[in-house]
Protein backbone atom coordinates (compact mmCIF):
# COMPACT_ATOMS: atom_id res chain seq x y z
CA MET A 1 -0.11 -0.06 -0.03
CA THR A 2 1.44 3.85 -0.87
CA ALA A 3 -0.05 6.80 0.20
CA VAL A 4 -0.39 9.09 -2.67
CA HIS A 5 0.21 12.72 -1.88
CA GLY A 6 0.45 14.60 -5.13
CA TYR A 7 -2.27 14.58 -7.43
CA THR A 8 -1.92 12.57 -10.32
CA SER A 9 -4.64 12.31 -13.19
CA ALA A 10 -7.96 10.26 -12.93
CA ILE A 11 -7.15 8.82 -9.72
CA GLY A 12 -10.22 8.11 -7.88
CA CYS A 13 -11.70 6.29 -4.98
CA GLY A 14 -12.83 2.57 -5.80
CA PHE A 15 -15.07 2.65 -2.88
CA CYS A 16 -16.84 5.92 -3.32
CA GLY A 17 -16.14 7.33 -6.84
CA ARG A 18 -14.95 10.93 -5.32
CA THR A 19 -12.28 12.44 -7.68
CA LYS A 20 -9.28 13.99 -7.00
CA THR A 21 -11.01 17.04 -6.06
CA GLU A 22 -13.23 15.62 -3.47
CA TYR A 23 -10.51 14.01 -1.40
CA MET A 24 -7.55 15.22 0.72
CA GLN A 25 -5.27 11.48 0.51
CA ILE A 26 -5.81 8.38 -1.10
CA ILE A 27 -4.30 5.05 -0.78
CA ALA A 28 -3.19 3.18 -3.75
CA GLY A 29 -3.84 -0.79 -3.12
CA PRO A 30 -2.82 -3.42 -6.19
CA GLY A 31 -5.50 -2.06 -8.65
CA VAL A 32 -7.85 0.04 -6.35
CA TYR A 33 -7.54 3.19 -4.62
CA ILE A 34 -9.62 4.27 -1.18
CA CYS A 35 -9.58 7.95 -0.65
CA ASP A 36 -9.31 9.00 3.50
CA ARG A 37 -13.03 9.87 3.84
CA CYS A 38 -13.94 6.18 2.97
CA LEU A 39 -11.30 5.01 5.28
CA LEU A 40 -13.07 7.08 8.08
CA SER A 41 -16.12 5.67 7.41
CA ALA A 42 -15.14 1.93 7.86
CA ASP A 43 -15.53 1.96 11.42
CA ASN A 44 -18.53 0.41 11.36
CA PRO A 45 -18.30 -2.38 9.48
CA CYS A 46 -20.52 -3.78 6.92
CA ARG A 47 -20.54 -7.33 8.24
CA ARG A 48 -19.93 -9.02 4.87
CA VAL A 49 -17.59 -11.69 3.80
CA GLY A 50 -15.16 -11.20 0.96
CA THR A 51 -11.31 -10.76 -0.28
CA CYS A 52 -9.63 -7.71 0.41
CA ALA A 53 -8.51 -5.60 -2.49
CA PHE A 54 -5.43 -4.60 -0.77
CA CYS A 55 -3.92 -7.89 0.74
CA ALA A 56 -6.16 -10.46 -0.99
CA GLU A 57 -6.90 -12.03 2.29
CA ALA A 58 -10.86 -13.78 2.28
CA GLY A 59 -12.78 -13.27 5.14
CA ASP A 60 -14.74 -10.24 6.96
CA VAL A 61 -14.39 -6.93 5.28
CA ALA A 62 -14.84 -3.51 6.91
CA LEU A 63 -15.97 -1.74 3.73
CA SER A 64 -17.39 -2.84 0.39
CA ALA A 65 -18.27 -1.05 -2.56
CA ALA A 66 -20.94 -1.71 -5.36
CA GLY A 67 -18.11 -2.87 -7.97
CA GLY A 68 -17.10 -5.36 -5.88
CA GLU A 69 -14.05 -3.84 -3.76
CA ALA A 70 -13.56 -4.57 -0.43
CA ILE A 71 -11.03 -3.95 2.45
CA CYS A 72 -10.49 -5.60 5.58
CA PRO A 73 -10.07 -4.07 9.21
CA ALA A 74 -6.25 -4.91 9.22
CA CYS A 75 -5.92 -3.16 5.81
CA VAL A 76 -7.88 -0.17 7.35
CA ALA A 77 -5.69 -0.05 10.34
CA ILE A 78 -2.48 0.03 8.03
CA SER A 79 -4.10 2.43 5.62
CA ARG A 80 -5.26 5.05 8.42
CA GLY A 81 -1.28 5.06 9.47
CA LEU A 82 0.07 5.93 6.41
CA LEU A 83 -2.36 8.88 6.17
CA ALA A 84 -1.02 10.05 9.47
CA THR A 85 2.21 10.25 8.17
């Protein structure tokens, strides 16, 4: 996972669809991005089972998107740590 601090073209959140003008920071995973606002909303787990788009582990996910993207609680914690740096 990588915190993307600079704005590059066409990076949008894979969970909410926000564009670069609508978020402050974004985390890049393998083929999916998650914005700071979605990470904050992941406090209330969606209580779904899926495969995390960031670590590829199957299990409970903290946030799931309509497009099938999901992120597990461990990756949420790691991503929040990256944003805090």
